[in-house]
Amino acid sequence: MRKPALFLVAAVALGLSAAGLGQAGSSAPALTGACAKANLKLVKGGQLSLATDNLSFPPWFGGKERKGSGFAPSDPYSGQGYESAVAYEVAKRLGFARGEVMWIAVPFGKSFAPGKKAFDWYISQVSYKPVRAKAADFSKSYYFVNQAVVGLKGKPITKVKTVAGLGPFQLGVAIGTTSYDYIVDHIKSKPKVYDTNADAVAALKNGRIDGLVVDFPSTGYITGVQVPNSTVVGRLPTKGTRERFGMIFQKGNPLVSCVNKVLDRMWADGTLKRLEARWLAGSAPILK
């Protein structure tokens, strides 16, 4: 994702100066037919019910945490952060005013678990995997992902320049993530697995692991706020199919095809690229 110090400054500045509702491309023509607002299959008529993990952290979400909202440390309603801005832009192109969008907190793992969904779509850095798509439908990509490694400053892992060089180090990861898959399949090591990403971050902070593997944009908040004495060791190169984030829907809900039409337009008119540049700017070396 970005160089930590620069990302933190940029994120704070943007959070203070902008609502970040994805204004670019908002004049696109409304969808018609089955995708007209009145014809959409929704959990609750008259509103768009969106969901994300209760840990709604930058750069995916921004804004000051609201007491009693069920979300921390950011506020999905703010429209700030990449995923919040994308969600509101898609909602707008489907014909929904901001006040017609409601958010609920749903744990990451439950978003794609079997069963009836309490949301119209879920957005919280969920990578598409065929096994996940057995019980839920995924939208097309709204972001293509690189995994990355975070380590404590001054520790030997920070000198690693290659994927193979990570082998001797104890890596940590949240359970059920593509970060875990990457470690097992490509680094060929056995990671320590934690119930949540917050637990894995705490393990890094307390020195119980040498490195934490997460999606690259999340490293900015980790190194800038959660573990200030940490740094990005590097991004991990893409192996096999390009990893992508998708929104999650009730299996069989035709709403997914309407959202896909909107995403196609947002890729075509450059909106997603502009939002990415705004909220996810920065870089780090790719390990060889």
C-alpha atoms as a PDB file:
ATOM      1  CA  MET A   1       0.000   0.000   0.000  1.00  0.00           C
ATOM      2  CA  ARG A   2       1.606   3.257   0.840  1.00  0.00           C
ATOM      3  CA  LYS A   3       4.682   4.301   2.674  1.00  0.00           C
ATOM      4  CA  PRO A   4       3.383   4.434   6.232  1.00  0.00           C
ATOM      5  CA  ALA A   5       4.224   7.971   7.281  1.00  0.00           C
ATOM      6  CA  LEU A   6       3.040   9.478   4.030  1.00  0.00           C
ATOM      7  CA  PHE A   7      -0.140   7.433   4.082  1.00  0.00           C
ATOM      8  CA  LEU A   8      -1.041   8.479   7.613  1.00  0.00           C
ATOM      9  CA  VAL A   9      -0.587  12.172   6.873  1.00  0.00           C
ATOM     10  CA  ALA A  10      -2.572  11.876   3.644  1.00  0.00           C
ATOM     11  CA  ALA A  11      -5.361   9.898   5.268  1.00  0.00           C
ATOM     12  CA  VAL A  12      -5.767  12.392   8.115  1.00  0.00           C
ATOM     13  CA  ALA A  13      -5.748  15.343   5.723  1.00  0.00           C
ATOM     14  CA  LEU A  14      -8.313  13.779   3.434  1.00  0.00           C
ATOM     15  CA  GLY A  15     -10.497  12.731   6.332  1.00  0.00           C
ATOM     16  CA  LEU A  16     -10.609  16.297   7.616  1.00  0.00           C
ATOM     17  CA  SER A  17     -11.101  18.008   4.288  1.00  0.00           C
ATOM     18  CA  ALA A  18     -13.513  15.870   2.293  1.00  0.00           C
ATOM     19  CA  ALA A  19     -16.685  13.857   2.506  1.00  0.00           C
ATOM     20  CA  GLY A  20     -15.275  11.436  -0.052  1.00  0.00           C
ATOM     21  CA  LEU A  21     -18.559  10.287  -1.540  1.00  0.00           C
ATOM     22  CA  GLY A  22     -17.102   9.352  -4.911  1.00  0.00           C
ATOM     23  CA  GLN A  23     -18.405  12.328  -6.865  1.00  0.00           C
ATOM     24  CA  ALA A  24     -16.542  11.367 -10.050  1.00  0.00           C
ATOM     25  CA  GLY A  25     -18.782   9.980 -12.766  1.00  0.00           C
ATOM     26  CA  SER A  26     -21.995  10.475 -10.761  1.00  0.00           C
ATOM     27  CA  SER A  27     -23.806  11.919 -13.786  1.00  0.00           C
ATOM     28  CA  ALA A  28     -23.944   8.468 -15.425  1.00  0.00           C
ATOM     29  CA  PRO A  29     -27.418   7.559 -16.757  1.00  0.00           C
ATOM     30  CA  ALA A  30     -29.674   5.567 -14.446  1.00  0.00           C
ATOM     31  CA  LEU A  31     -30.136   1.852 -15.052  1.00  0.00           C
ATOM     32  CA  THR A  32     -33.419   0.658 -16.498  1.00  0.00           C
ATOM     33  CA  GLY A  33     -35.479  -2.517 -16.740  1.00  0.00           C
ATOM     34  CA  ALA A  34     -34.766  -5.097 -14.055  1.00  0.00           C
ATOM     35  CA  CYS A  35     -32.062  -2.790 -12.662  1.00  0.00           C
ATOM     36  CA  ALA A  36     -34.348   0.214 -12.255  1.00  0.00           C
ATOM     37  CA  LYS A  37     -34.513   1.219  -8.603  1.00  0.00           C
ATOM     38  CA  ALA A  38     -38.175   0.214  -8.241  1.00  0.00           C
ATOM     39  CA  ASN A  39     -37.435  -3.302  -9.547  1.00  0.00           C
ATOM     40  CA  LEU A  40     -34.451  -4.170  -7.360  1.00  0.00           C
ATOM     41  CA  LYS A  41     -34.762  -7.105  -4.970  1.00  0.00           C
ATOM     42  CA  LEU A  42     -33.895  -5.608  -1.583  1.00  0.00           C
ATOM     43  CA  VAL A  43     -33.861  -6.824   2.018  1.00  0.00           C
ATOM     44  CA  LYS A  44     -36.047  -3.879   2.984  1.00  0.00           C
ATOM     45  CA  GLY A  45     -38.076  -1.856   0.524  1.00  0.00           C
ATOM     46  CA  GLY A  46     -37.161   1.777   0.106  1.00  0.00           C
ATOM     47  CA  GLN A  47     -33.628   1.475   1.430  1.00  0.00           C
ATOM     48  CA  LEU A  48     -30.297  -0.079   0.552  1.00  0.00           C
ATOM     49  CA  SER A  49     -29.057  -2.260   3.419  1.00  0.00           C
ATOM     50  CA  LEU A  50     -25.265  -2.460   3.328  1.00  0.00           C
ATOM     51  CA  ALA A  51     -22.937  -4.291   5.694  1.00  0.00           C
ATOM     52  CA  THR A  52     -19.288  -4.326   6.663  1.00  0.00           C
ATOM     53  CA  ASP A  53     -17.202  -5.662   9.518  1.00  0.00           C
ATOM     54  CA  ASN A  54     -17.574  -3.746  12.775  1.00  0.00           C
ATOM     55  CA  LEU A  55     -13.801  -3.082  12.557  1.00  0.00           C
ATOM     56  CA  SER A  56     -14.172  -0.455   9.831  1.00  0.00           C
ATOM     57  CA  PHE A  57     -10.645   0.927   9.703  1.00  0.00           C
ATOM     58  CA  PRO A  58      -8.755   3.250   7.305  1.00  0.00           C
ATOM     59  CA  PRO A  59      -8.040   3.406   4.442  1.00  0.00           C
ATOM     60  CA  TRP A  60     -11.160   1.380   3.650  1.00  0.00           C
ATOM     61  CA  PHE A  61     -13.401   3.474   5.893  1.00  0.00           C
ATOM     62  CA  GLY A  62     -12.891   6.837   7.519  1.00  0.00           C
ATOM     63  CA  GLY A  63     -14.621   9.472   9.587  1.00  0.00           C
ATOM     64  CA  LYS A  64     -14.830   9.765  13.333  1.00  0.00           C
ATOM     65  CA  GLU A  65     -16.284   6.785  15.194  1.00  0.00           C
ATOM     66  CA  ARG A  66     -19.838   7.395  16.381  1.00  0.00           C
ATOM     67  CA  LYS A  67     -20.759   6.095  19.829  1.00  0.00           C
ATOM     68  CA  GLY A  68     -23.379   3.375  19.702  1.00  0.00           C
ATOM     69  CA  SER A  69     -23.011   2.829  15.958  1.00  0.00           C
ATOM     70  CA  GLY A  70     -21.463  -0.624  16.338  1.00  0.00           C
ATOM     71  CA  PHE A  71     -18.529   0.363  14.131  1.00  0.00           C
ATOM     72  CA  ALA A  72     -14.967   1.239  15.134  1.00  0.00           C
ATOM     73  CA  PRO A  73     -12.641   3.025  14.675  1.00  0.00           C
ATOM     74  CA  SER A  74     -14.330   4.643  11.659  1.00  0.00           C
ATOM     75  CA  ASP A  75     -17.851   5.440  10.474  1.00  0.00           C
ATOM     76  CA  PRO A  76     -19.142   3.801   7.244  1.00  0.00           C
ATOM     77  CA  TYR A  77     -21.810   6.515   6.988  1.00  0.00           C
ATOM     78  CA  SER A  78     -19.087   9.140   6.506  1.00  0.00           C
ATOM     79  CA  GLY A  79     -18.448   8.208   2.876  1.00  0.00           C
ATOM     80  CA  GLN A  80     -14.734   8.494   3.638  1.00  0.00           C
ATOM     81  CA  GLY A  81     -12.266   5.736   2.816  1.00  0.00           C
ATOM     82  CA  TYR A  82     -12.126   3.668  -0.360  1.00  0.00           C
ATOM     83  CA  GLU A  83     -14.838   1.098   0.352  1.00  0.00           C
ATOM     84  CA  SER A  84     -17.302   3.589   1.806  1.00  0.00           C
ATOM     85  CA  ALA A  85     -16.778   5.912  -1.172  1.00  0.00           C
ATOM     86  CA  VAL A  86     -17.201   3.029  -3.632  1.00  0.00           C
ATOM     87  CA  ALA A  87     -20.349   1.810  -1.869  1.00  0.00           C
ATOM     88  CA  TYR A  88     -21.970   5.241  -1.936  1.00  0.00           C
ATOM     89  CA  GLU A  89     -21.044   5.785  -5.583  1.00  0.00           C
ATOM     90  CA  VAL A  90     -22.596   2.443  -6.574  1.00  0.00           C
ATOM     91  CA  ALA A  91     -25.678   3.257  -4.490  1.00  0.00           C
ATOM     92  CA  LYS A  92     -25.985   6.652  -6.163  1.00  0.00           C
ATOM     93  CA  ARG A  93     -25.822   5.120  -9.625  1.00  0.00           C
ATOM     94  CA  LEU A  94     -28.544   2.672  -8.622  1.00  0.00           C
ATOM     95  CA  GLY A  95     -30.739   5.640  -7.730  1.00  0.00           C
ATOM     96  CA  PHE A  96     -30.361   5.801  -3.941  1.00  0.00           C
ATOM     97  CA  ALA A  97     -29.937   9.029  -2.009  1.00  0.00           C
ATOM     98  CA  ARG A  98     -27.424   9.022   0.817  1.00  0.00           C
ATOM     99  CA  GLY A  99     -30.186   8.947   3.422  1.00  0.00           C
ATOM    100  CA  GLU A 100     -31.575   5.766   1.883  1.00  0.00           C
ATOM    101  CA  VAL A 101     -28.385   3.827   2.629  1.00  0.00           C
ATOM    102  CA  MET A 102     -28.222   1.985   5.963  1.00  0.00           C
ATOM    103  CA  TRP A 103     -25.238   0.078   7.409  1.00  0.00           C
ATOM    104  CA  ILE A 104     -25.144  -2.969   9.673  1.00  0.00           C
ATOM    105  CA  ALA A 105     -22.161  -4.696  11.289  1.00  0.00           C
ATOM    106  CA  VAL A 106     -21.498  -8.292  10.186  1.00  0.00           C
ATOM    107  CA  PRO A 107     -18.341 -10.273  11.047  1.00  0.00           C
ATOM    108  CA  PHE A 108     -16.074 -11.005   8.078  1.00  0.00           C
ATOM    109  CA  GLY A 109     -16.473 -14.786   8.182  1.00  0.00           C
ATOM    110  CA  LYS A 110     -20.263 -14.661   8.413  1.00  0.00           C
ATOM    111  CA  SER A 111     -20.580 -12.540   5.280  1.00  0.00           C
ATOM    112  CA  PHE A 112     -20.037 -15.490   2.950  1.00  0.00           C
ATOM    113  CA  ALA A 113     -21.269 -18.255   5.280  1.00  0.00           C
ATOM    114  CA  PRO A 114     -24.348 -20.308   4.267  1.00  0.00           C
ATOM    115  CA  GLY A 115     -27.702 -18.884   5.213  1.00  0.00           C
ATOM    116  CA  LYS A 116     -29.982 -15.938   4.630  1.00  0.00           C
ATOM    117  CA  LYS A 117     -28.260 -12.563   4.404  1.00  0.00           C
ATOM    118  CA  ALA A 118     -29.489  -9.566   6.376  1.00  0.00           C
ATOM    119  CA  PHE A 119     -27.885  -7.190   3.858  1.00  0.00           C
ATOM    120  CA  ASP A 120     -28.198  -6.306   0.177  1.00  0.00           C
ATOM    121  CA  TRP A 121     -24.437  -6.413  -0.177  1.00  0.00           C
ATOM    122  CA  TYR A 122     -21.402  -6.682   2.062  1.00  0.00           C
ATOM    123  CA  ILE A 123     -18.132  -4.841   1.462  1.00  0.00           C
ATOM    124  CA  SER A 124     -15.090  -5.442   3.677  1.00  0.00           C
ATOM    125  CA  GLN A 125     -11.972  -6.530   1.763  1.00  0.00           C
ATOM    126  CA  VAL A 126     -13.376  -9.967   0.937  1.00  0.00           C
ATOM    127  CA  SER A 127     -11.325 -11.688  -1.751  1.00  0.00           C
ATOM    128  CA  TYR A 128     -13.114 -13.914  -4.227  1.00  0.00           C
ATOM    129  CA  LYS A 129     -12.499 -17.629  -3.692  1.00  0.00           C
ATOM    130  CA  PRO A 130     -14.505 -20.425  -5.340  1.00  0.00           C
ATOM    131  CA  VAL A 131     -15.181 -22.025  -1.962  1.00  0.00           C
ATOM    132  CA  ARG A 132     -16.669 -18.760  -0.679  1.00  0.00           C
ATOM    133  CA  ALA A 133     -18.807 -18.410  -3.794  1.00  0.00           C
ATOM    134  CA  LYS A 134     -20.590 -21.690  -3.018  1.00  0.00           C
ATOM    135  CA  ALA A 135     -22.811 -20.019  -0.417  1.00  0.00           C
ATOM    136  CA  ALA A 136     -22.843 -16.411  -1.639  1.00  0.00           C
ATOM    137  CA  ASP A 137     -22.565 -14.456  -4.882  1.00  0.00           C
ATOM    138  CA  PHE A 138     -19.653 -12.098  -5.525  1.00  0.00           C
ATOM    139  CA  SER A 139     -19.662  -8.971  -7.643  1.00  0.00           C
ATOM    140  CA  LYS A 140     -16.973  -8.221 -10.155  1.00  0.00           C
ATOM    141  CA  SER A 141     -13.812  -6.668  -8.766  1.00  0.00           C
ATOM    142  CA  TYR A 142     -13.824  -3.209  -7.262  1.00  0.00           C
ATOM    143  CA  TYR A 143     -10.138  -3.555  -6.277  1.00  0.00           C
ATOM    144  CA  PHE A 144      -7.239  -5.833  -7.264  1.00  0.00           C
ATOM    145  CA  VAL A 145      -5.100  -6.894  -4.321  1.00  0.00           C
ATOM    146  CA  ASN A 146      -1.466  -7.424  -3.384  1.00  0.00           C
ATOM    147  CA  GLN A 147      -0.633  -9.051  -0.053  1.00  0.00           C
ATOM    148  CA  ALA A 148       2.138  -7.474   2.006  1.00  0.00           C
ATOM    149  CA  VAL A 149       4.331  -8.209   5.022  1.00  0.00           C
ATOM    150  CA  VAL A 150       4.679  -5.941   8.068  1.00  0.00           C
ATOM    151  CA  GLY A 151       7.510  -6.336  10.584  1.00  0.00           C
ATOM    152  CA  LEU A 152       8.878  -4.441  13.574  1.00  0.00           C
ATOM    153  CA  LYS A 153      11.505  -1.818  12.761  1.00  0.00           C
ATOM    154  CA  GLY A 154      15.079  -2.914  13.316  1.00  0.00           C
ATOM    155  CA  LYS A 155      14.249  -6.632  13.268  1.00  0.00           C
ATOM    156  CA  PRO A 156      15.998  -9.040  10.841  1.00  0.00           C
ATOM    157  CA  ILE A 157      12.813  -9.615   8.788  1.00  0.00           C
ATOM    158  CA  THR A 158      12.889  -6.003   7.594  1.00  0.00           C
ATOM    159  CA  LYS A 159      16.030  -6.763   5.591  1.00  0.00           C
ATOM    160  CA  VAL A 160      14.327  -9.489   3.524  1.00  0.00           C
ATOM    161  CA  LYS A 161      14.210  -8.800  -0.232  1.00  0.00           C
ATOM    162  CA  THR A 162      12.711 -12.023  -1.588  1.00  0.00           C
ATOM    163  CA  VAL A 163       9.681 -14.236  -0.949  1.00  0.00           C
ATOM    164  CA  ALA A 164      12.015 -17.165  -0.248  1.00  0.00           C
ATOM    165  CA  GLY A 165      13.785 -15.057   2.359  1.00  0.00           C
ATOM    166  CA  LEU A 166      10.616 -15.001   4.480  1.00  0.00           C
ATOM    167  CA  GLY A 167      10.765 -18.768   5.018  1.00  0.00           C
ATOM    168  CA  PRO A 168      12.771 -18.808   8.279  1.00  0.00           C
ATOM    169  CA  PHE A 169      10.564 -16.211   9.972  1.00  0.00           C
ATOM    170  CA  GLN A 170       7.398 -16.815  11.987  1.00  0.00           C
ATOM    171  CA  LEU A 171       4.542 -15.171  10.140  1.00  0.00           C
ATOM    172  CA  GLY A 172       1.089 -14.480  11.518  1.00  0.00           C
ATOM    173  CA  VAL A 173      -2.288 -14.101   9.862  1.00  0.00           C
ATOM    174  CA  ALA A 174      -6.026 -13.906  10.546  1.00  0.00           C
ATOM    175  CA  ILE A 175      -7.932 -17.159  10.068  1.00  0.00           C
ATOM    176  CA  GLY A 176      -9.769 -17.811   6.827  1.00  0.00           C
ATOM    177  CA  THR A 177      -7.989 -15.120   4.809  1.00  0.00           C
ATOM    178  CA  THR A 178      -6.236 -15.219   1.444  1.00  0.00           C
ATOM    179  CA  SER A 179      -3.172 -14.000   3.355  1.00  0.00           C
ATOM    180  CA  TYR A 180      -3.107 -17.422   5.030  1.00  0.00           C
ATOM    181  CA  ASP A 181      -3.409 -19.127   1.644  1.00  0.00           C
ATOM    182  CA  TYR A 182      -0.502 -17.101   0.260  1.00  0.00           C
ATOM    183  CA  ILE A 183       1.806 -18.075   3.128  1.00  0.00           C
ATOM    184  CA  VAL A 184       1.005 -21.781   2.843  1.00  0.00           C
ATOM    185  CA  ASP A 185       0.981 -21.978  -0.964  1.00  0.00           C
ATOM    186  CA  HIS A 186       3.824 -19.648  -1.923  1.00  0.00           C
ATOM    187  CA  ILE A 187       6.038 -18.894   1.090  1.00  0.00           C
ATOM    188  CA  LYS A 188       5.748 -22.571   2.050  1.00  0.00           C
ATOM    189  CA  SER A 189       5.745 -21.983   5.783  1.00  0.00           C
ATOM    190  CA  LYS A 190       3.309 -22.619   8.641  1.00  0.00           C
ATOM    191  CA  PRO A 191       1.873 -19.371  10.012  1.00  0.00           C
ATOM    192  CA  LYS A 192       0.448 -18.678  13.430  1.00  0.00           C
ATOM    193  CA  VAL A 193      -3.283 -18.210  12.952  1.00  0.00           C
ATOM    194  CA  TYR A 194      -5.445 -15.767  14.916  1.00  0.00           C
ATOM    195  CA  ASP A 195      -9.213 -15.408  15.210  1.00  0.00           C
ATOM    196  CA  THR A 196      -9.206 -11.807  13.988  1.00  0.00           C
ATOM    197  CA  ASN A 197      -6.872  -9.407  12.271  1.00  0.00           C
ATOM    198  CA  ALA A 198      -6.817  -7.344  15.481  1.00  0.00           C
ATOM    199  CA  ASP A 199      -5.441 -10.367  17.347  1.00  0.00           C
ATOM    200  CA  ALA A 200      -2.784 -10.856  14.680  1.00  0.00           C
ATOM    201  CA  VAL A 201      -1.816  -7.177  14.903  1.00  0.00           C
ATOM    202  CA  ALA A 202      -1.484  -7.516  18.692  1.00  0.00           C
ATOM    203  CA  ALA A 203       0.794 -10.535  18.198  1.00  0.00           C
ATOM    204  CA  LEU A 204       3.075  -8.477  15.972  1.00  0.00           C
ATOM    205  CA  LYS A 205       3.086  -5.597  18.434  1.00  0.00           C
ATOM    206  CA  ASN A 206       4.020  -7.904  21.312  1.00  0.00           C
ATOM    207  CA  GLY A 207       6.734  -9.719  19.359  1.00  0.00           C
ATOM    208  CA  ARG A 208       4.970 -13.092  19.237  1.00  0.00           C
ATOM    209  CA  ILE A 209       5.417 -13.187  15.468  1.00  0.00           C
ATOM    210  CA  ASP A 210       8.122 -11.789  13.202  1.00  0.00           C
ATOM    211  CA  GLY A 211       5.838 -10.625  10.447  1.00  0.00           C
ATOM    212  CA  LEU A 212       2.149 -10.052   9.737  1.00  0.00           C
ATOM    213  CA  VAL A 213       0.681 -10.740   6.299  1.00  0.00           C
ATOM    214  CA  VAL A 214      -2.290  -8.587   5.269  1.00  0.00           C
ATOM    215  CA  ASP A 215      -3.648  -6.886   2.160  1.00  0.00           C
ATOM    216  CA  PHE A 216      -1.323  -4.057   1.197  1.00  0.00           C
ATOM    217  CA  PRO A 217      -3.611  -1.032   1.788  1.00  0.00           C
ATOM    218  CA  SER A 218      -4.278  -2.146   5.379  1.00  0.00           C
ATOM    219  CA  THR A 219      -0.574  -1.791   6.211  1.00  0.00           C
ATOM    220  CA  GLY A 220      -0.898   1.997   6.357  1.00  0.00           C
ATOM    221  CA  TYR A 221      -3.206   1.938   9.363  1.00  0.00           C
ATOM    222  CA  ILE A 222      -1.170  -0.799  11.031  1.00  0.00           C
ATOM    223  CA  THR A 223       2.170   0.996  10.683  1.00  0.00           C
ATOM    224  CA  GLY A 224       0.778   4.482  11.198  1.00  0.00           C
ATOM    225  CA  VAL A 225      -1.591   3.875  14.119  1.00  0.00           C
ATOM    226  CA  GLN A 226      -1.792   0.351  15.524  1.00  0.00           C
ATOM    227  CA  VAL A 227       1.921  -0.525  15.638  1.00  0.00           C
ATOM    228  CA  PRO A 228       3.888   2.702  15.061  1.00  0.00           C
ATOM    229  CA  ASN A 229       7.252   0.944  15.442  1.00  0.00           C
ATOM    230  CA  SER A 230       6.482  -1.339  12.495  1.00  0.00           C
ATOM    231  CA  THR A 231       7.230  -0.996   8.799  1.00  0.00           C
ATOM    232  CA  VAL A 232       6.221  -2.570   5.501  1.00  0.00           C
ATOM    233  CA  VAL A 233       8.796  -5.215   4.593  1.00  0.00           C
ATOM    234  CA  GLY A 234       7.382  -5.366   1.071  1.00  0.00           C
ATOM    235  CA  ARG A 235       4.499  -6.314  -1.150  1.00  0.00           C
ATOM    236  CA  LEU A 236       4.131  -9.923  -2.214  1.00  0.00           C
ATOM    237  CA  PRO A 237       4.087 -10.612  -5.954  1.00  0.00           C
ATOM    238  CA  THR A 238       0.940 -11.954  -7.586  1.00  0.00           C
ATOM    239  CA  LYS A 239       0.991 -15.722  -7.929  1.00  0.00           C
ATOM    240  CA  GLY A 240      -1.543 -17.439 -10.157  1.00  0.00           C
ATOM    241  CA  THR A 241      -4.933 -15.766 -10.579  1.00  0.00           C
ATOM    242  CA  ARG A 242      -4.972 -12.077  -9.723  1.00  0.00           C
ATOM    243  CA  GLU A 243      -6.596 -11.605  -6.322  1.00  0.00           C
ATOM    244  CA  ARG A 244      -9.642  -9.335  -6.255  1.00  0.00           C
ATOM    245  CA  PHE A 245     -12.085  -7.886  -3.765  1.00  0.00           C
ATOM    246  CA  GLY A 246     -15.789  -8.302  -4.482  1.00  0.00           C
ATOM    247  CA  MET A 247     -19.031  -7.330  -2.820  1.00  0.00           C
ATOM    248  CA  ILE A 248     -21.054 -10.221  -1.390  1.00  0.00           C
ATOM    249  CA  PHE A 249     -24.758 -10.920  -2.069  1.00  0.00           C
ATOM    250  CA  GLN A 250     -27.416 -13.435  -1.132  1.00  0.00           C
ATOM    251  CA  LYS A 251     -26.976 -16.422  -3.424  1.00  0.00           C
ATOM    252  CA  GLY A 252     -29.159 -15.947  -6.484  1.00  0.00           C
ATOM    253  CA  ASN A 253     -30.025 -12.296  -5.861  1.00  0.00           C
ATOM    254  CA  PRO A 254     -30.310 -10.571  -9.285  1.00  0.00           C
ATOM    255  CA  LEU A 255     -29.043  -7.374  -7.635  1.00  0.00           C
ATOM    256  CA  VAL A 256     -25.494  -8.598  -8.250  1.00  0.00           C
ATOM    257  CA  SER A 257     -25.884  -8.242 -12.030  1.00  0.00           C
ATOM    258  CA  CYS A 258     -27.066  -4.643 -11.606  1.00  0.00           C
ATOM    259  CA  VAL A 259     -24.113  -3.803  -9.366  1.00  0.00           C
ATOM    260  CA  ASN A 260     -21.797  -5.426 -11.916  1.00  0.00           C
ATOM    261  CA  LYS A 261     -23.176  -3.104 -14.611  1.00  0.00           C
ATOM    262  CA  VAL A 262     -22.413  -0.139 -12.382  1.00  0.00           C
ATOM    263  CA  LEU A 263     -18.899  -1.401 -11.638  1.00  0.00           C
ATOM    264  CA  ASP A 264     -18.238  -1.892 -15.362  1.00  0.00           C
ATOM    265  CA  ARG A 265     -19.159   1.757 -15.911  1.00  0.00           C
ATOM    266  CA  MET A 266     -17.012   2.893 -12.987  1.00  0.00           C
ATOM    267  CA  TRP A 267     -13.985   1.054 -14.392  1.00  0.00           C
ATOM    268  CA  ALA A 268     -14.685   2.407 -17.877  1.00  0.00           C
ATOM    269  CA  ASP A 269     -15.080   6.060 -16.860  1.00  0.00           C
ATOM    270  CA  GLY A 270     -12.100   5.985 -14.483  1.00  0.00           C
ATOM    271  CA  THR A 271     -14.067   6.478 -11.256  1.00  0.00           C
ATOM    272  CA  LEU A 272     -12.559   3.481  -9.474  1.00  0.00           C
ATOM    273  CA  LYS A 273      -9.049   4.503 -10.476  1.00  0.00           C
ATOM    274  CA  ARG A 274      -9.651   8.021  -9.187  1.00  0.00           C
ATOM    275  CA  LEU A 275     -11.017   6.757  -5.888  1.00  0.00           C
ATOM    276  CA  GLU A 276      -8.073   4.363  -5.571  1.00  0.00           C
ATOM    277  CA  ALA A 277      -5.609   7.196  -6.191  1.00  0.00           C
ATOM    278  CA  ARG A 278      -7.387   9.320  -3.595  1.00  0.00           C
ATOM    279  CA  TRP A 279      -7.711   6.811  -0.768  1.00  0.00           C
ATOM    280  CA  LEU A 280      -5.109   4.125  -1.454  1.00  0.00           C
ATOM    281  CA  ALA A 281      -2.175   6.153  -2.753  1.00  0.00           C
ATOM    282  CA  GLY A 282       1.382   5.050  -1.999  1.00  0.00           C
ATOM    283  CA  SER A 283       3.750   2.215  -2.683  1.00  0.00           C
ATOM    284  CA  ALA A 284       6.264  -0.264  -1.282  1.00  0.00           C
ATOM    285  CA  PRO A 285       8.792  -2.557  -2.980  1.00  0.00           C
ATOM    286  CA  ILE A 286       7.606  -5.898  -4.355  1.00  0.00           C
ATOM    287  CA  LEU A 287       9.613  -8.789  -2.971  1.00  0.00           C
ATOM    288  CA  LYS A 288      11.309 -10.877  -5.659  1.00  0.00           C
END
